[in-house]
């Protein structure tokens, strides 16, 4: 997976929002919400690991991160 430069992403996102129609904005809003939820889940898992607790659900969290990253890539390909 290739890294996305924040300045480039901002420029593309602003252009797509202006010219790409409402779907891009809706997709990005949904992705933002998914990333926020993933971040919360990962923070909870990290706290438990750091506290020495047994942790389950790491594979599911990893799978969610990968799926969301692929979704971001698909949305970005629409506007490249």
PDB file of N, CA and C in Angstrom:
ATOM      1  N   UNK A   1       0.845  -1.169   0.000  1.00  0.00           N
ATOM      2  CA  UNK A   1       0.000   0.000   0.000  1.00  0.00           C
ATOM      3  C   UNK A   1       0.895   1.238   0.000  1.00  0.00           C
ATOM      4  N   UNK A   2       0.604   2.178  -0.848  1.00  0.00           N
ATOM      5  CA  UNK A   2       1.435   3.358  -0.939  1.00  0.00           C
ATOM      6  C   UNK A   2       0.995   4.408   0.075  1.00  0.00           C
ATOM      7  N   UNK A   3       1.977   5.178   0.564  1.00  0.00           N
ATOM      8  CA  UNK A   3       1.681   6.244   1.519  1.00  0.00           C
ATOM      9  C   UNK A   3       1.077   7.434   0.786  1.00  0.00           C
ATOM     10  N   UNK A   4       0.235   8.165   1.489  1.00  0.00           N
ATOM     11  CA  UNK A   4      -0.419   9.338   0.919  1.00  0.00           C
ATOM     12  C   UNK A   4       0.139  10.569   1.627  1.00  0.00           C
ATOM     13  N   UNK A   5       0.678  11.503   0.853  1.00  0.00           N
ATOM     14  CA  UNK A   5       1.214  12.734   1.424  1.00  0.00           C
ATOM     15  C   UNK A   5       0.048  13.635   1.830  1.00  0.00           C
ATOM     16  N   UNK A   6       0.048  14.160   3.071  1.00  0.00           N
ATOM     17  CA  UNK A   6      -1.103  14.936   3.554  1.00  0.00           C
ATOM     18  C   UNK A   6      -1.431  16.172   2.714  1.00  0.00           C
ATOM     19  N   UNK A   7      -0.428  16.878   2.224  1.00  0.00           N
ATOM     20  CA  UNK A   7      -0.699  18.081   1.433  1.00  0.00           C
ATOM     21  C   UNK A   7      -1.352  17.704   0.104  1.00  0.00           C
ATOM     22  N   UNK A   8      -0.843  16.645  -0.527  1.00  0.00           N
ATOM     23  CA  UNK A   8      -1.438  16.172  -1.778  1.00  0.00           C
ATOM     24  C   UNK A   8      -2.874  15.723  -1.527  1.00  0.00           C
ATOM     25  N   UNK A   9      -3.075  14.950  -0.451  1.00  0.00           N
ATOM     26  CA  UNK A   9      -4.413  14.446  -0.145  1.00  0.00           C
ATOM     27  C   UNK A   9      -5.389  15.598   0.060  1.00  0.00           C
ATOM     28  N   UNK A  10      -4.967  16.626   0.783  1.00  0.00           N
ATOM     29  CA  UNK A  10      -5.845  17.776   1.030  1.00  0.00           C
ATOM     30  C   UNK A  10      -6.234  18.441  -0.283  1.00  0.00           C
ATOM     31  N   UNK A  11      -5.262  18.642  -1.147  1.00  0.00           N
ATOM     32  CA  UNK A  11      -5.549  19.286  -2.435  1.00  0.00           C
ATOM     33  C   UNK A  11      -6.522  18.446  -3.257  1.00  0.00           C
ATOM     34  N   UNK A  12      -6.295  17.151  -3.312  1.00  0.00           N
ATOM     35  CA  UNK A  12      -7.177  16.259  -4.077  1.00  0.00           C
ATOM     36  C   UNK A  12      -8.563  16.221  -3.455  1.00  0.00           C
ATOM     37  N   UNK A  13      -8.619  16.157  -2.139  1.00  0.00           N
ATOM     38  CA  UNK A  13      -9.913  16.096  -1.460  1.00  0.00           C
ATOM     39  C   UNK A  13     -10.721  17.367  -1.694  1.00  0.00           C
ATOM     40  N   UNK A  14     -10.083  18.518  -1.577  1.00  0.00           N
ATOM     41  CA  UNK A  14     -10.797  19.769  -1.802  1.00  0.00           C
ATOM     42  C   UNK A  14     -11.286  19.872  -3.240  1.00  0.00           C
ATOM     43  N   UNK A  15     -10.463  19.469  -4.184  1.00  0.00           N
ATOM     44  CA  UNK A  15     -10.868  19.490  -5.586  1.00  0.00           C
ATOM     45  C   UNK A  15     -12.024  18.526  -5.826  1.00  0.00           C
ATOM     46  N   UNK A  16     -11.931  17.332  -5.255  1.00  0.00           N
ATOM     47  CA  UNK A  16     -12.983  16.340  -5.458  1.00  0.00           C
ATOM     48  C   UNK A  16     -14.297  16.792  -4.823  1.00  0.00           C
ATOM     49  N   UNK A  17     -14.209  17.428  -3.664  1.00  0.00           N
ATOM     50  CA  UNK A  17     -15.431  17.914  -3.028  1.00  0.00           C
ATOM     51  C   UNK A  17     -16.085  18.990  -3.872  1.00  0.00           C
ATOM     52  N   UNK A  18     -15.260  19.815  -4.507  1.00  0.00           N
ATOM     53  CA  UNK A  18     -15.808  20.881  -5.350  1.00  0.00           C
ATOM     54  C   UNK A  18     -16.318  20.346  -6.678  1.00  0.00           C
ATOM     55  N   UNK A  19     -15.624  19.348  -7.244  1.00  0.00           N
ATOM     56  CA  UNK A  19     -15.941  18.877  -8.593  1.00  0.00           C
ATOM     57  C   UNK A  19     -16.395  17.431  -8.669  1.00  0.00           C
ATOM     58  N   UNK A  20     -16.208  16.684  -7.593  1.00  0.00           N
ATOM     59  CA  UNK A  20     -16.485  15.257  -7.639  1.00  0.00           C
ATOM     60  C   UNK A  20     -17.869  14.863  -7.198  1.00  0.00           C
ATOM     61  N   UNK A  21     -18.655  15.815  -6.815  1.00  0.00           N
ATOM     62  CA  UNK A  21     -20.021  15.518  -6.437  1.00  0.00           C
ATOM     63  C   UNK A  21     -20.148  15.076  -4.993  1.00  0.00           C
ATOM     64  N   UNK A  22     -21.371  14.824  -4.587  1.00  0.00           N
ATOM     65  CA  UNK A  22     -21.657  14.511  -3.188  1.00  0.00           C
ATOM     66  C   UNK A  22     -21.153  13.150  -2.738  1.00  0.00           C
ATOM     67  N   UNK A  23     -20.909  12.245  -3.663  1.00  0.00           N
ATOM     68  CA  UNK A  23     -20.485  10.903  -3.260  1.00  0.00           C
ATOM     69  C   UNK A  23     -19.130  10.921  -2.587  1.00  0.00           C
ATOM     70  N   UNK A  24     -18.207  11.729  -3.092  1.00  0.00           N
ATOM     71  CA  UNK A  24     -16.879  11.784  -2.487  1.00  0.00           C
ATOM     72  C   UNK A  24     -16.983  12.261  -1.048  1.00  0.00           C
ATOM     73  N   UNK A  25     -17.740  13.314  -0.830  1.00  0.00           N
ATOM     74  CA  UNK A  25     -17.884  13.845   0.528  1.00  0.00           C
ATOM     75  C   UNK A  25     -18.498  12.801   1.452  1.00  0.00           C
ATOM     76  N   UNK A  26     -19.530  12.122   0.998  1.00  0.00           N
ATOM     77  CA  UNK A  26     -20.181  11.097   1.823  1.00  0.00           C
ATOM     78  C   UNK A  26     -19.228   9.944   2.109  1.00  0.00           C
ATOM     79  N   UNK A  27     -18.479   9.520   1.089  1.00  0.00           N
ATOM     80  CA  UNK A  27     -17.502   8.441   1.286  1.00  0.00           C
ATOM     81  C   UNK A  27     -16.450   8.841   2.310  1.00  0.00           C
ATOM     82  N   UNK A  28     -15.936  10.067   2.183  1.00  0.00           N
ATOM     83  CA  UNK A  28     -14.891  10.514   3.096  1.00  0.00           C
ATOM     84  C   UNK A  28     -15.429  10.668   4.517  1.00  0.00           C
ATOM     85  N   UNK A  29     -16.650  11.131   4.676  1.00  0.00           N
ATOM     86  CA  UNK A  29     -17.244  11.255   6.001  1.00  0.00           C
ATOM     87  C   UNK A  29     -17.394   9.881   6.646  1.00  0.00           C
ATOM     88  N   UNK A  30     -17.839   8.916   5.871  1.00  0.00           N
ATOM     89  CA  UNK A  30     -17.981   7.555   6.376  1.00  0.00           C
ATOM     90  C   UNK A  30     -16.627   6.978   6.764  1.00  0.00           C
ATOM     91  N   UNK A  31     -15.616   7.186   5.929  1.00  0.00           N
ATOM     92  CA  UNK A  31     -14.271   6.700   6.227  1.00  0.00           C
ATOM     93  C   UNK A  31     -13.731   7.381   7.483  1.00  0.00           C
ATOM     94  N   UNK A  32     -13.967   8.671   7.619  1.00  0.00           N
ATOM     95  CA  UNK A  32     -13.522   9.391   8.814  1.00  0.00           C
ATOM     96  C   UNK A  32     -14.118   8.747  10.067  1.00  0.00           C
ATOM     97  N   UNK A  33     -15.418   8.460  10.024  1.00  0.00           N
ATOM     98  CA  UNK A  33     -16.077   7.839  11.176  1.00  0.00           C
ATOM     99  C   UNK A  33     -15.518   6.451  11.463  1.00  0.00           C
ATOM    100  N   UNK A  34     -15.250   5.682  10.414  1.00  0.00           N
ATOM    101  CA  UNK A  34     -14.671   4.351  10.592  1.00  0.00           C
ATOM    102  C   UNK A  34     -13.283   4.435  11.211  1.00  0.00           C
ATOM    103  N   UNK A  35     -12.471   5.384  10.732  1.00  0.00           N
ATOM    104  CA  UNK A  35     -11.123   5.541  11.275  1.00  0.00           C
ATOM    105  C   UNK A  35     -11.162   5.980  12.740  1.00  0.00           C
ATOM    106  N   UNK A  36     -12.101   6.842  13.090  1.00  0.00           N
ATOM    107  CA  UNK A  36     -12.236   7.265  14.488  1.00  0.00           C
ATOM    108  C   UNK A  36     -12.592   6.074  15.375  1.00  0.00           C
ATOM    109  N   UNK A  37     -13.515   5.248  14.912  1.00  0.00           N
ATOM    110  CA  UNK A  37     -13.894   4.062  15.689  1.00  0.00           C
ATOM    111  C   UNK A  37     -12.733   3.084  15.804  1.00  0.00           C
ATOM    112  N   UNK A  38     -11.997   2.889  14.705  1.00  0.00           N
ATOM    113  CA  UNK A  38     -10.830   2.005  14.735  1.00  0.00           C
ATOM    114  C   UNK A  38      -9.781   2.526  15.711  1.00  0.00           C
ATOM    115  N   UNK A  39      -9.550   3.827  15.690  1.00  0.00           N
ATOM    116  CA  UNK A  39      -8.586   4.416  16.612  1.00  0.00           C
ATOM    117  C   UNK A  39      -8.977   4.179  18.056  1.00  0.00           C
ATOM    118  N   UNK A  40     -10.257   4.334  18.353  1.00  0.00           N
ATOM    119  CA  UNK A  40     -10.735   4.069  19.711  1.00  0.00           C
ATOM    120  C   UNK A  40     -10.517   2.610  20.098  1.00  0.00           C
ATOM    121  N   UNK A  41     -10.846   1.700  19.195  1.00  0.00           N
ATOM    122  CA  UNK A  41     -10.665   0.270  19.474  1.00  0.00           C
ATOM    123  C   UNK A  41      -9.190  -0.068  19.695  1.00  0.00           C
ATOM    124  N   UNK A  42      -8.323   0.471  18.852  1.00  0.00           N
ATOM    125  CA  UNK A  42      -6.890   0.194  18.988  1.00  0.00           C
ATOM    126  C   UNK A  42      -6.337   0.767  20.287  1.00  0.00           C
ATOM    127  N   UNK A  43      -6.808   1.952  20.684  1.00  0.00           N
ATOM    128  CA  UNK A  43      -6.366   2.531  21.953  1.00  0.00           C
ATOM    129  C   UNK A  43      -6.789   1.669  23.133  1.00  0.00           C
ATOM    130  N   UNK A  44      -7.999   1.144  23.088  1.00  0.00           N
ATOM    131  CA  UNK A  44      -8.473   0.269  24.164  1.00  0.00           C
ATOM    132  C   UNK A  44      -7.630  -1.001  24.233  1.00  0.00           C
ATOM    133  N   UNK A  45      -7.318  -1.579  23.066  1.00  0.00           N
ATOM    134  CA  UNK A  45      -6.481  -2.775  23.047  1.00  0.00           C
ATOM    135  C   UNK A  45      -5.080  -2.469  23.582  1.00  0.00           C
ATOM    136  N   UNK A  46      -4.520  -1.330  23.182  1.00  0.00           N
ATOM    137  CA  UNK A  46      -3.179  -0.956  23.645  1.00  0.00           C
ATOM    138  C   UNK A  46      -3.154  -0.754  25.156  1.00  0.00           C
ATOM    139  N   UNK A  47      -4.173  -0.118  25.696  1.00  0.00           N
ATOM    140  CA  UNK A  47      -4.234   0.073  27.155  1.00  0.00           C
ATOM    141  C   UNK A  47      -4.249  -1.256  27.883  1.00  0.00           C
ATOM    142  N   UNK A  48      -5.019  -2.199  27.359  1.00  0.00           N
ATOM    143  CA  UNK A  48      -5.101  -3.511  27.993  1.00  0.00           C
ATOM    144  C   UNK A  48      -3.772  -4.249  27.920  1.00  0.00           C
ATOM    145  N   UNK A  49      -3.127  -4.178  26.754  1.00  0.00           N
ATOM    146  CA  UNK A  49      -1.820  -4.826  26.594  1.00  0.00           C
ATOM    147  C   UNK A  49      -0.815  -4.204  27.557  1.00  0.00           C
ATOM    148  N   UNK A  50      -0.785  -2.876  27.616  1.00  0.00           N
ATOM    149  CA  UNK A  50       0.157  -2.184  28.500  1.00  0.00           C
ATOM    150  C   UNK A  50      -0.103  -2.462  29.970  1.00  0.00           C
ATOM    151  N   UNK A  51      -1.344  -2.802  30.311  1.00  0.00           N
ATOM    152  CA  UNK A  51      -1.694  -3.135  31.691  1.00  0.00           C
ATOM    153  C   UNK A  51      -1.404  -4.603  32.008  1.00  0.00           C
ATOM    154  N   UNK A  52      -0.934  -5.342  31.004  1.00  0.00           N
ATOM    155  CA  UNK A  52      -0.604  -6.749  31.216  1.00  0.00           C
ATOM    156  C   UNK A  52      -1.791  -7.681  31.142  1.00  0.00           C
ATOM    157  N   UNK A  53      -2.899  -7.197  30.643  1.00  0.00           N
ATOM    158  CA  UNK A  53      -4.098  -8.030  30.523  1.00  0.00           C
ATOM    159  C   UNK A  53      -4.038  -8.880  29.264  1.00  0.00           C
ATOM    160  N   UNK A  54      -4.741  -9.999  29.314  1.00  0.00           N
ATOM    161  CA  UNK A  54      -4.882 -10.828  28.117  1.00  0.00           C
ATOM    162  C   UNK A  54      -5.797 -10.093  27.143  1.00  0.00           C
ATOM    163  N   UNK A  55      -5.430 -10.119  25.884  1.00  0.00           N
ATOM    164  CA  UNK A  55      -6.189  -9.367  24.881  1.00  0.00           C
ATOM    165  C   UNK A  55      -6.637 -10.309  23.776  1.00  0.00           C
ATOM    166  N   UNK A  56      -7.903 -10.199  23.429  1.00  0.00           N
ATOM    167  CA  UNK A  56      -8.441 -10.923  22.278  1.00  0.00           C
ATOM    168  C   UNK A  56      -8.933  -9.890  21.283  1.00  0.00           C
ATOM    169  N   UNK A  57      -9.103 -10.287  20.075  1.00  0.00           N
ATOM    170  CA  UNK A  57      -9.641  -9.399  19.057  1.00  0.00           C
ATOM    171  C   UNK A  57      -8.593  -8.681  18.238  1.00  0.00           C
ATOM    172  N   UNK A  58      -7.322  -9.050  18.402  1.00  0.00           N
ATOM    173  CA  UNK A  58      -6.278  -8.374  17.630  1.00  0.00           C
ATOM    174  C   UNK A  58      -6.405  -8.648  16.137  1.00  0.00           C
ATOM    175  N   UNK A  59      -6.735  -9.875  15.772  1.00  0.00           N
ATOM    176  CA  UNK A  59      -6.877 -10.204  14.354  1.00  0.00           C
ATOM    177  C   UNK A  59      -8.035  -9.444  13.735  1.00  0.00           C
ATOM    178  N   UNK A  60      -9.145  -9.350  14.468  1.00  0.00           N
ATOM    179  CA  UNK A  60     -10.296  -8.614  13.958  1.00  0.00           C
ATOM    180  C   UNK A  60      -9.951  -7.136  13.777  1.00  0.00           C
ATOM    181  N   UNK A  61      -9.231  -6.560  14.741  1.00  0.00           N
ATOM    182  CA  UNK A  61      -8.836  -5.152  14.634  1.00  0.00           C
ATOM    183  C   UNK A  61      -7.915  -4.944  13.437  1.00  0.00           C
ATOM    184  N   UNK A  62      -6.971  -5.873  13.241  1.00  0.00           N
ATOM    185  CA  UNK A  62      -6.063  -5.782  12.099  1.00  0.00           C
ATOM    186  C   UNK A  62      -6.831  -5.878  10.794  1.00  0.00           C
ATOM    187  N   UNK A  63      -7.788  -6.785  10.731  1.00  0.00           N
ATOM    188  CA  UNK A  63      -8.609  -6.935   9.528  1.00  0.00           C
ATOM    189  C   UNK A  63      -9.414  -5.665   9.237  1.00  0.00           C
ATOM    190  N   UNK A  64      -9.944  -5.018  10.285  1.00  0.00           N
ATOM    191  CA  UNK A  64     -10.702  -3.787  10.099  1.00  0.00           C
ATOM    192  C   UNK A  64      -9.807  -2.661   9.570  1.00  0.00           C
ATOM    193  N   UNK A  65      -8.594  -2.574  10.104  1.00  0.00           N
ATOM    194  CA  UNK A  65      -7.660  -1.546   9.637  1.00  0.00           C
ATOM    195  C   UNK A  65      -7.345  -1.765   8.161  1.00  0.00           C
ATOM    196  N   UNK A  66      -7.071  -2.994   7.781  1.00  0.00           N
ATOM    197  CA  UNK A  66      -6.765  -3.294   6.375  1.00  0.00           C
ATOM    198  C   UNK A  66      -7.950  -2.980   5.468  1.00  0.00           C
ATOM    199  N   UNK A  67      -9.137  -3.367   5.885  1.00  0.00           N
ATOM    200  CA  UNK A  67     -10.327  -3.119   5.068  1.00  0.00           C
ATOM    201  C   UNK A  67     -10.568  -1.619   4.893  1.00  0.00           C
ATOM    202  N   UNK A  68     -10.371  -0.862   5.951  1.00  0.00           N
ATOM    203  CA  UNK A  68     -10.564   0.580   5.858  1.00  0.00           C
ATOM    204  C   UNK A  68      -9.493   1.213   4.979  1.00  0.00           C
ATOM    205  N   UNK A  69      -8.259   0.753   5.099  1.00  0.00           N
ATOM    206  CA  UNK A  69      -7.178   1.266   4.248  1.00  0.00           C
ATOM    207  C   UNK A  69      -7.478   0.993   2.777  1.00  0.00           C
ATOM    208  N   UNK A  70      -8.013  -0.177   2.474  1.00  0.00           N
ATOM    209  CA  UNK A  70      -8.382  -0.491   1.087  1.00  0.00           C
ATOM    210  C   UNK A  70      -9.509   0.409   0.606  1.00  0.00           C
ATOM    211  N   UNK A  71     -10.443   0.696   1.492  1.00  0.00           N
ATOM    212  CA  UNK A  71     -11.554   1.580   1.112  1.00  0.00           C
ATOM    213  C   UNK A  71     -11.045   2.985   0.818  1.00  0.00           C
ATOM    214  N   UNK A  72     -10.118   3.477   1.633  1.00  0.00           N
ATOM    215  CA  UNK A  72      -9.518   4.790   1.387  1.00  0.00           C
ATOM    216  C   UNK A  72      -8.843   4.795   0.020  1.00  0.00           C
ATOM    217  N   UNK A  73      -8.097   3.740  -0.278  1.00  0.00           N
ATOM    218  CA  UNK A  73      -7.405   3.639  -1.566  1.00  0.00           C
ATOM    219  C   UNK A  73      -8.405   3.665  -2.713  1.00  0.00           C
ATOM    220  N   UNK A  74      -9.517   2.960  -2.596  1.00  0.00           N
ATOM    221  CA  UNK A  74     -10.530   2.931  -3.658  1.00  0.00           C
ATOM    222  C   UNK A  74     -11.148   4.297  -3.870  1.00  0.00           C
ATOM    223  N   UNK A  75     -11.431   5.001  -2.795  1.00  0.00           N
ATOM    224  CA  UNK A  75     -12.016   6.337  -2.924  1.00  0.00           C
ATOM    225  C   UNK A  75     -11.033   7.280  -3.569  1.00  0.00           C
ATOM    226  N   UNK A  76      -9.764   7.194  -3.166  1.00  0.00           N
ATOM    227  CA  UNK A  76      -8.744   8.062  -3.754  1.00  0.00           C
ATOM    228  C   UNK A  76      -8.527   7.767  -5.228  1.00  0.00           C
ATOM    229  N   UNK A  77      -8.636   6.521  -5.629  1.00  0.00           N
ATOM    230  CA  UNK A  77      -8.469   6.186  -7.052  1.00  0.00           C
ATOM    231  C   UNK A  77      -9.556   6.798  -7.911  1.00  0.00           C
ATOM    232  N   UNK A  78     -10.725   7.037  -7.324  1.00  0.00           N
ATOM    233  CA  UNK A  78     -11.815   7.669  -8.079  1.00  0.00           C
ATOM    234  C   UNK A  78     -11.443   9.091  -8.485  1.00  0.00           C
ATOM    235  N   UNK A  79     -10.623   9.743  -7.669  1.00  0.00           N
ATOM    236  CA  UNK A  79     -10.336  11.161  -7.923  1.00  0.00           C
ATOM    237  C   UNK A  79      -8.950  11.416  -8.483  1.00  0.00           C
ATOM    238  N   UNK A  80      -8.133  10.404  -8.611  1.00  0.00           N
ATOM    239  CA  UNK A  80      -6.775  10.591  -9.145  1.00  0.00           C
ATOM    240  C   UNK A  80      -6.801  10.762 -10.623  1.00  0.00           C
TER     241      UNK A  80
END
